[in-house]
Amino acid sequence: MVVMLSLALALLCLLQAGAQVPVQPDFKTEKFAGTWHLVVAASNCPVFLKMKDGMKSSTITTSFTPAGDLSMKLVWPMLDKCERFNLLFQQSGQPGQYTAAQEKRDLRVVETDYSSYAIVYQVQQSQQEPSTSLQLFMREQDASPELLEKFKHLLPTMGLTEDMLAILPKTDQCSKDSS
């Protein structure tokens, strides 16, 4: 139970992780919607850093409300079960940038080709230091070495370092639960 709670907290840190961070030009919600796999992540969140070596790839289903808000349904493998999380981010005026005001959370789709990968930045402002996260979403569970290098190259521009990086092993543990 303690391990499951710790993994859930690490996930929340990762999802709650400023400066002028770019947003995908001409972001297209209809192309971004669908199933993604979180395969690589980096964050300065202390809980994430403690748990990152035991985490596995999760499945994220994105959709958009008629008002343009981003809905994310996550299925995260945790030990012997699959945990579900539902998140809703409000559109913040610019397509590709979303906020969750109550959590003081900002999410930006930095770059995507829609068909294979997306790089997503999140920051959560808190009374302490902000928690920053950079995530690599893939339509399949594998990232090419070139894409992994591109992701690593972005880390210092977001205030992150390679020791904060986790390459999440692929799993089919929750594949039947991802809908």
Protein backbone atom coordinates (compact mmCIF):
# COMPACT_ATOMS: atom_id res chain seq x y z
CA MET A 1 0.00 0.00 0.00
CA VAL A 2 2.85 2.38 0.85
CA VAL A 3 4.62 1.58 -2.42
CA MET A 4 1.40 2.15 -4.40
CA LEU A 5 0.86 5.49 -2.67
CA SER A 6 4.47 6.48 -3.38
CA LEU A 7 4.09 5.58 -7.06
CA ALA A 8 0.86 7.58 -7.23
CA LEU A 9 2.65 10.58 -5.68
CA ALA A 10 5.50 10.21 -8.17
CA LEU A 11 2.98 10.20 -11.00
CA LEU A 12 1.33 13.32 -9.66
CA CYS A 13 4.70 15.05 -9.40
CA LEU A 14 5.45 14.03 -12.96
CA LEU A 15 2.12 15.40 -14.13
CA GLN A 16 2.45 18.58 -12.11
CA ALA A 17 5.84 19.54 -13.13
CA GLY A 18 7.99 29.55 -16.37
CA ALA A 19 10.08 30.91 -18.53
CA GLN A 20 9.11 31.30 -22.16
CA VAL A 21 8.56 27.67 -23.13
CA PRO A 22 7.51 27.33 -26.77
CA VAL A 23 4.24 25.81 -27.93
CA GLN A 24 3.74 23.80 -31.13
CA PRO A 25 2.91 26.30 -33.89
CA ASP A 26 -0.60 25.89 -35.34
CA PHE A 27 -1.46 23.22 -32.77
CA LYS A 28 -4.23 20.92 -34.07
CA THR A 29 -6.36 19.37 -31.32
CA GLU A 30 -8.00 16.84 -33.64
CA LYS A 31 -4.59 15.47 -34.64
CA PHE A 32 -3.29 15.38 -31.04
CA ALA A 33 -6.32 13.48 -29.70
CA GLY A 34 -5.96 9.73 -29.23
CA THR A 35 -3.74 7.25 -27.47
CA TRP A 36 -0.17 8.04 -26.42
CA HIS A 37 2.42 6.21 -24.34
CA LEU A 38 4.57 8.10 -21.84
CA VAL A 39 7.98 6.55 -22.58
CA VAL A 40 10.53 9.09 -21.31
CA ALA A 41 10.25 11.68 -18.57
CA ALA A 42 12.46 14.07 -16.66
CA SER A 43 11.46 16.08 -13.61
CA ASN A 44 12.95 17.91 -10.66
CA CYS A 45 10.10 16.72 -8.40
CA PRO A 46 11.65 14.98 -5.34
CA VAL A 47 9.00 12.22 -5.28
CA PHE A 48 9.52 11.49 -8.99
CA LEU A 49 13.29 11.39 -8.52
CA LYS A 50 12.91 8.87 -5.70
CA MET A 51 10.52 6.62 -7.66
CA LYS A 52 11.68 7.00 -11.29
CA ASP A 53 13.74 3.81 -11.43
CA GLY A 54 10.70 1.66 -10.61
CA MET A 55 8.25 3.31 -13.00
CA LYS A 56 6.93 1.83 -16.25
CA SER A 57 5.44 3.35 -19.37
CA SER A 58 1.84 4.52 -18.98
CA THR A 59 -0.95 4.95 -21.50
CA ILE A 60 -2.55 8.36 -21.96
CA THR A 61 -5.73 8.95 -23.92
CA THR A 62 -6.22 12.58 -24.89
CA SER A 63 -9.44 14.21 -26.03
CA PHE A 64 -10.83 17.72 -26.17
CA THR A 65 -14.08 19.17 -24.88
CA PRO A 66 -16.28 21.33 -27.14
CA ALA A 67 -14.83 24.37 -25.28
CA GLY A 68 -11.29 23.29 -26.30
CA ASP A 69 -10.18 21.98 -22.90
CA LEU A 70 -7.75 19.03 -22.78
CA SER A 71 -8.89 15.83 -21.08
CA MET A 72 -6.25 13.23 -20.23
CA LYS A 73 -7.09 9.72 -19.05
CA LEU A 74 -4.02 7.88 -17.76
CA VAL A 75 -3.60 4.20 -17.04
CA TRP A 76 -0.45 3.70 -14.95
CA PRO A 77 1.02 0.28 -14.08
CA MET A 78 1.61 0.00 -10.33
CA LEU A 79 2.94 -3.27 -8.99
CA ASP A 80 0.09 -5.76 -9.43
CA LYS A 81 -2.65 -3.39 -10.55
CA CYS A 82 -3.44 -0.57 -12.93
CA GLU A 83 -4.30 2.86 -11.56
CA ARG A 84 -6.48 5.31 -13.48
CA PHE A 85 -6.17 9.08 -13.33
CA ASN A 86 -8.36 11.65 -15.06
CA LEU A 87 -7.04 15.17 -15.59
CA LEU A 88 -8.69 18.20 -17.15
CA PHE A 89 -6.73 21.23 -18.35
CA GLN A 90 -8.43 24.41 -19.51
CA GLN A 91 -7.36 26.04 -22.74
CA SER A 92 -5.35 29.14 -21.89
CA GLY A 93 -5.96 31.18 -25.00
CA GLN A 94 -3.18 29.74 -27.14
CA PRO A 95 -3.79 26.34 -28.78
CA GLY A 96 -1.36 23.82 -27.28
CA GLN A 97 -1.16 25.56 -23.90
CA TYR A 98 -3.43 24.53 -21.02
CA THR A 99 -3.80 25.27 -17.33
CA ALA A 100 -5.27 23.66 -14.24
CA ALA A 101 -5.83 26.75 -12.11
CA GLN A 102 -6.58 25.02 -8.80
CA GLU A 103 -3.27 23.14 -8.92
CA LYS A 104 -1.44 26.15 -10.43
CA ARG A 105 -0.37 23.85 -13.25
CA ASP A 106 0.70 24.82 -16.79
CA LEU A 107 0.94 22.27 -19.62
CA ARG A 108 2.40 22.99 -23.05
CA VAL A 109 2.76 20.79 -26.10
CA VAL A 110 6.25 21.94 -27.08
CA GLU A 111 6.57 19.90 -30.25
CA THR A 112 4.68 17.13 -32.03
CA ASP A 113 4.36 15.49 -35.41
CA TYR A 114 0.96 14.11 -34.24
CA SER A 115 1.56 10.67 -35.78
CA SER A 116 4.49 9.39 -33.71
CA TYR A 117 5.70 11.72 -30.92
CA ALA A 118 4.92 14.71 -28.72
CA ILE A 119 7.14 16.55 -26.25
CA VAL A 120 5.07 17.92 -23.36
CA TYR A 121 6.24 20.40 -20.72
CA GLN A 122 4.49 20.87 -17.38
CA VAL A 123 5.20 23.10 -14.43
CA GLN A 124 3.39 23.42 -11.14
CA GLN A 125 3.89 26.52 -9.05
CA SER A 126 3.93 25.86 -5.33
CA GLN A 127 4.90 27.71 -2.21
CA GLN A 128 8.29 26.06 -2.49
CA GLU A 129 10.21 25.63 -5.74
CA PRO A 130 8.21 25.02 -8.90
CA SER A 131 8.12 21.41 -10.05
CA THR A 132 9.10 21.08 -13.71
CA SER A 133 8.58 18.09 -15.97
CA LEU A 134 9.39 17.27 -19.59
CA GLN A 135 7.73 14.20 -21.08
CA LEU A 136 8.03 12.28 -24.32
CA PHE A 137 4.74 10.83 -25.54
CA MET A 138 4.84 8.24 -28.33
CA ARG A 139 2.02 6.64 -30.32
CA GLU A 140 3.98 3.36 -29.96
CA GLN A 141 6.01 2.41 -26.87
CA ASP A 142 9.43 2.84 -28.50
CA ALA A 143 11.43 6.02 -29.03
CA SER A 144 14.12 6.15 -31.70
CA PRO A 145 17.68 6.98 -30.58
CA GLU A 146 17.44 10.24 -32.58
CA LEU A 147 14.25 11.28 -30.80
CA LEU A 148 15.75 10.38 -27.43
CA GLU A 149 18.77 12.59 -28.23
CA LYS A 150 16.46 15.44 -29.26
CA PHE A 151 14.61 15.07 -25.95
CA LYS A 152 17.86 15.02 -23.94
CA HIS A 153 19.04 18.13 -25.78
CA LEU A 154 15.96 20.02 -24.49
CA LEU A 155 16.57 19.15 -20.81
CA PRO A 156 18.99 22.00 -19.97
CA THR A 157 16.73 24.53 -21.70
CA MET A 158 13.99 23.53 -19.24
CA GLY A 159 16.27 23.62 -16.18
CA LEU A 160 16.54 19.83 -16.02
CA THR A 161 19.54 17.48 -16.10
CA GLU A 162 20.09 13.94 -17.40
CA ASP A 163 20.21 12.52 -13.87
CA MET A 164 16.53 13.55 -13.59
CA LEU A 165 15.70 11.44 -16.67
CA ALA A 166 13.79 8.16 -16.67
CA ILE A 167 13.41 5.97 -19.74
CA LEU A 168 10.28 4.07 -18.79
CA PRO A 169 10.30 0.39 -19.76
CA LYS A 170 7.46 -0.66 -22.02
CA THR A 171 4.85 -2.95 -20.61
CA ASP A 172 1.58 -4.54 -21.63
CA GLN A 173 0.54 -4.86 -17.98
CA CYS A 174 -2.39 -2.44 -18.37
CA SER A 175 -3.02 -2.69 -22.11
CA LYS A 176 -6.54 -4.06 -21.71
CA ASP A 177 -7.33 -1.28 -19.19
CA SER A 178 -6.32 1.67 -21.37
CA SER A 179 -9.70 2.48 -22.83
